[in-house]
């Protein structure tokens, strides 16, 4: 069985789950599908699933909040 994420093929034979680190891919829409083959060579494929990653936006928002917290904390100490 192969898991396709965009054009990357991953052999997931005998796996029940797959952990995908989305921080390793760019922001945007990605297509995921499974393709399985039996011993007779028959093939079955799932309907492609589209997912959207927003890693850069989330990181920027977290950095902004952390910066605001730091600025407020520093301002408090300067009284």
N, C-alpha and C. Protein backbone atom coordinates (compact mmCIF):
# COMPACT_ATOMS: atom_id res chain seq x y z
N UNK A 1 0.85 -1.16 0.00
CA UNK A 1 0.00 0.00 0.00
C UNK A 1 0.90 1.22 0.00
N UNK A 2 0.51 2.22 -0.77
CA UNK A 2 1.29 3.45 -0.86
C UNK A 2 0.42 4.64 -0.50
N UNK A 3 0.99 5.52 0.29
CA UNK A 3 0.36 6.78 0.64
C UNK A 3 1.01 7.84 -0.23
N UNK A 4 0.19 8.56 -0.96
CA UNK A 4 0.70 9.65 -1.79
C UNK A 4 0.32 10.97 -1.15
N UNK A 5 1.32 11.78 -0.89
CA UNK A 5 1.10 13.15 -0.45
C UNK A 5 1.69 14.02 -1.55
N UNK A 6 0.81 14.69 -2.27
CA UNK A 6 1.18 15.39 -3.50
C UNK A 6 1.83 14.35 -4.42
N UNK A 7 3.06 14.53 -4.83
CA UNK A 7 3.68 13.56 -5.75
C UNK A 7 4.61 12.58 -5.03
N UNK A 8 4.75 12.71 -3.71
CA UNK A 8 5.62 11.82 -2.94
C UNK A 8 4.89 10.52 -2.63
N UNK A 9 5.53 9.38 -2.93
CA UNK A 9 4.96 8.06 -2.64
C UNK A 9 5.67 7.46 -1.43
N UNK A 10 4.87 7.07 -0.43
CA UNK A 10 5.42 6.49 0.80
C UNK A 10 4.87 5.08 0.96
N UNK A 11 5.75 4.11 1.15
CA UNK A 11 5.31 2.73 1.34
C UNK A 11 4.81 2.59 2.78
N UNK A 12 3.51 2.39 2.93
CA UNK A 12 2.90 2.26 4.25
C UNK A 12 2.28 0.88 4.44
N UNK A 13 2.82 -0.11 3.72
CA UNK A 13 2.34 -1.48 3.84
C UNK A 13 2.41 -1.91 5.31
N UNK A 14 1.35 -2.53 5.79
CA UNK A 14 1.23 -3.04 7.16
C UNK A 14 1.17 -1.93 8.21
N UNK A 15 0.93 -0.70 7.80
CA UNK A 15 0.78 0.41 8.75
C UNK A 15 -0.70 0.70 8.96
N UNK A 16 -1.03 1.10 10.17
CA UNK A 16 -2.40 1.46 10.48
C UNK A 16 -2.59 2.96 10.57
N UNK A 17 -1.47 3.69 10.65
CA UNK A 17 -1.54 5.14 10.71
C UNK A 17 -0.23 5.70 10.16
N UNK A 18 -0.26 6.99 9.87
CA UNK A 18 0.93 7.68 9.38
C UNK A 18 0.93 9.07 9.99
N UNK A 19 2.04 9.45 10.62
CA UNK A 19 2.15 10.78 11.20
C UNK A 19 2.88 11.68 10.21
N UNK A 20 2.21 12.71 9.76
CA UNK A 20 2.75 13.62 8.75
C UNK A 20 3.15 14.92 9.42
N UNK A 21 4.43 15.25 9.37
CA UNK A 21 4.93 16.51 9.92
C UNK A 21 4.72 17.60 8.88
N UNK A 22 3.65 18.35 9.02
CA UNK A 22 3.30 19.35 8.01
C UNK A 22 4.23 20.55 8.00
N UNK A 23 5.10 20.68 9.02
CA UNK A 23 6.04 21.80 9.01
C UNK A 23 7.12 21.61 7.96
N UNK A 24 7.19 20.41 7.37
CA UNK A 24 8.20 20.14 6.35
C UNK A 24 7.70 20.45 4.94
N UNK A 25 6.47 20.92 4.82
CA UNK A 25 5.92 21.27 3.50
C UNK A 25 5.47 22.72 3.53
N UNK A 26 5.36 23.31 2.37
CA UNK A 26 4.93 24.69 2.28
C UNK A 26 3.45 24.86 2.57
N UNK A 27 3.07 26.09 2.85
CA UNK A 27 1.67 26.40 3.05
C UNK A 27 0.91 26.19 1.74
N UNK A 28 -0.35 25.82 1.89
CA UNK A 28 -1.19 25.66 0.71
C UNK A 28 -1.94 24.34 0.74
N UNK A 29 -2.53 24.02 -0.40
CA UNK A 29 -3.35 22.82 -0.52
C UNK A 29 -2.49 21.64 -0.95
N UNK A 30 -2.70 20.51 -0.31
CA UNK A 30 -1.98 19.28 -0.61
C UNK A 30 -3.00 18.16 -0.84
N UNK A 31 -2.65 17.23 -1.70
CA UNK A 31 -3.53 16.12 -2.04
C UNK A 31 -2.99 14.84 -1.43
N UNK A 32 -3.87 14.10 -0.75
CA UNK A 32 -3.51 12.84 -0.11
C UNK A 32 -4.40 11.73 -0.66
N UNK A 33 -3.78 10.59 -0.97
CA UNK A 33 -4.56 9.43 -1.42
C UNK A 33 -3.80 8.16 -1.09
N UNK A 34 -4.52 7.05 -1.00
CA UNK A 34 -3.94 5.73 -0.76
C UNK A 34 -4.17 4.86 -1.99
N UNK A 35 -3.16 4.06 -2.32
CA UNK A 35 -3.26 3.09 -3.41
C UNK A 35 -2.81 1.75 -2.85
N UNK A 36 -3.65 0.73 -3.01
CA UNK A 36 -3.33 -0.61 -2.49
C UNK A 36 -3.36 -1.63 -3.61
N UNK A 37 -2.45 -2.60 -3.51
CA UNK A 37 -2.36 -3.70 -4.48
C UNK A 37 -2.46 -5.01 -3.72
N UNK A 38 -3.18 -5.98 -4.29
CA UNK A 38 -3.19 -7.31 -3.67
C UNK A 38 -2.20 -8.22 -4.39
N UNK A 39 -2.07 -9.46 -3.92
CA UNK A 39 -1.09 -10.38 -4.50
C UNK A 39 -1.38 -10.72 -5.95
N UNK A 40 -2.61 -10.58 -6.37
CA UNK A 40 -2.98 -10.86 -7.76
C UNK A 40 -2.71 -9.67 -8.67
N UNK A 41 -2.29 -8.56 -8.09
CA UNK A 41 -1.99 -7.38 -8.89
C UNK A 41 -3.16 -6.43 -9.06
N UNK A 42 -4.29 -6.71 -8.40
CA UNK A 42 -5.43 -5.80 -8.45
C UNK A 42 -5.11 -4.54 -7.67
N UNK A 43 -5.64 -3.43 -8.12
CA UNK A 43 -5.36 -2.14 -7.49
C UNK A 43 -6.65 -1.46 -7.06
N UNK A 44 -6.62 -0.82 -5.91
CA UNK A 44 -7.73 0.00 -5.43
C UNK A 44 -7.15 1.33 -4.95
N UNK A 45 -7.91 2.38 -5.15
CA UNK A 45 -7.41 3.72 -4.81
C UNK A 45 -8.52 4.51 -4.12
N UNK A 46 -8.14 5.29 -3.10
CA UNK A 46 -9.12 6.14 -2.44
C UNK A 46 -9.39 7.38 -3.29
N UNK A 47 -10.47 8.02 -2.99
CA UNK A 47 -10.74 9.33 -3.60
C UNK A 47 -9.74 10.31 -3.00
N UNK A 48 -9.09 11.13 -3.82
CA UNK A 48 -8.11 12.08 -3.27
C UNK A 48 -8.75 13.03 -2.25
N UNK A 49 -8.00 13.31 -1.21
CA UNK A 49 -8.43 14.22 -0.16
C UNK A 49 -7.54 15.44 -0.21
N UNK A 50 -8.12 16.62 -0.18
CA UNK A 50 -7.35 17.86 -0.16
C UNK A 50 -7.30 18.42 1.24
N UNK A 51 -6.09 18.79 1.67
CA UNK A 51 -5.91 19.42 2.97
C UNK A 51 -5.11 20.70 2.77
N UNK A 52 -5.32 21.65 3.66
CA UNK A 52 -4.61 22.93 3.56
C UNK A 52 -3.73 23.11 4.78
N UNK A 53 -2.45 23.41 4.57
CA UNK A 53 -1.53 23.67 5.67
C UNK A 53 -1.28 25.18 5.77
N UNK A 54 -1.15 25.67 6.99
CA UNK A 54 -0.90 27.09 7.23
C UNK A 54 0.19 27.26 8.30
N UNK A 55 1.31 26.62 8.09
CA UNK A 55 2.41 26.64 9.06
C UNK A 55 3.03 28.02 9.23
N UNK A 56 3.32 28.71 8.13
CA UNK A 56 4.01 30.00 8.20
C UNK A 56 3.13 31.03 8.88
N UNK A 57 1.85 31.08 8.53
CA UNK A 57 0.93 32.03 9.14
C UNK A 57 0.84 31.78 10.64
N UNK A 58 0.71 30.52 11.03
CA UNK A 58 0.60 30.18 12.46
C UNK A 58 1.88 30.57 13.20
N UNK A 59 3.04 30.28 12.63
CA UNK A 59 4.31 30.64 13.27
C UNK A 59 4.43 32.15 13.43
N UNK A 60 4.03 32.90 12.40
CA UNK A 60 4.09 34.36 12.49
C UNK A 60 3.17 34.88 13.58
N UNK A 61 1.96 34.31 13.68
CA UNK A 61 1.03 34.72 14.72
C UNK A 61 1.58 34.40 16.11
N UNK A 62 2.18 33.22 16.29
CA UNK A 62 2.74 32.84 17.58
C UNK A 62 3.92 33.75 17.95
N UNK A 63 4.77 34.09 16.97
CA UNK A 63 5.89 34.98 17.24
C UNK A 63 5.41 36.37 17.61
N UNK A 64 4.34 36.83 16.95
CA UNK A 64 3.78 38.15 17.25
C UNK A 64 3.28 38.18 18.69
N UNK A 65 2.52 37.16 19.09
CA UNK A 65 1.99 37.10 20.45
C UNK A 65 3.13 37.01 21.45
N UNK A 66 4.13 36.20 21.18
CA UNK A 66 5.27 36.07 22.09
C UNK A 66 6.00 37.41 22.21
N UNK A 67 6.15 38.12 21.10
CA UNK A 67 6.79 39.44 21.12
C UNK A 67 5.99 40.45 21.92
N UNK A 68 4.67 40.40 21.78
CA UNK A 68 3.81 41.31 22.54
C UNK A 68 3.93 41.00 24.03
N UNK A 69 3.91 39.72 24.39
CA UNK A 69 4.05 39.34 25.80
C UNK A 69 5.38 39.82 26.36
N UNK A 70 6.45 39.65 25.59
CA UNK A 70 7.77 40.07 26.04
C UNK A 70 7.81 41.58 26.22
N UNK A 71 7.24 42.31 25.27
CA UNK A 71 7.21 43.77 25.35
C UNK A 71 6.43 44.25 26.56
N UNK A 72 5.30 43.63 26.84
CA UNK A 72 4.51 44.00 28.00
C UNK A 72 5.26 43.69 29.28
N UNK A 73 5.95 42.55 29.32
CA UNK A 73 6.70 42.18 30.50
C UNK A 73 7.85 43.15 30.72
N UNK A 74 8.56 43.53 29.68
CA UNK A 74 9.68 44.45 29.82
C UNK A 74 9.18 45.82 30.25
N UNK A 75 8.05 46.25 29.70
CA UNK A 75 7.47 47.54 30.08
C UNK A 75 7.09 47.56 31.55
N UNK A 76 6.64 46.43 32.08
CA UNK A 76 6.25 46.34 33.48
C UNK A 76 7.46 46.52 34.39
N UNK A 77 8.61 45.97 33.95
CA UNK A 77 9.82 46.08 34.78
C UNK A 77 10.45 47.47 34.71
N UNK A 78 10.08 48.29 33.76
CA UNK A 78 10.70 49.60 33.60
C UNK A 78 9.97 50.70 34.37
N UNK A 79 9.02 50.37 35.18
CA UNK A 79 8.20 51.36 35.89
C UNK A 79 9.00 52.31 36.69
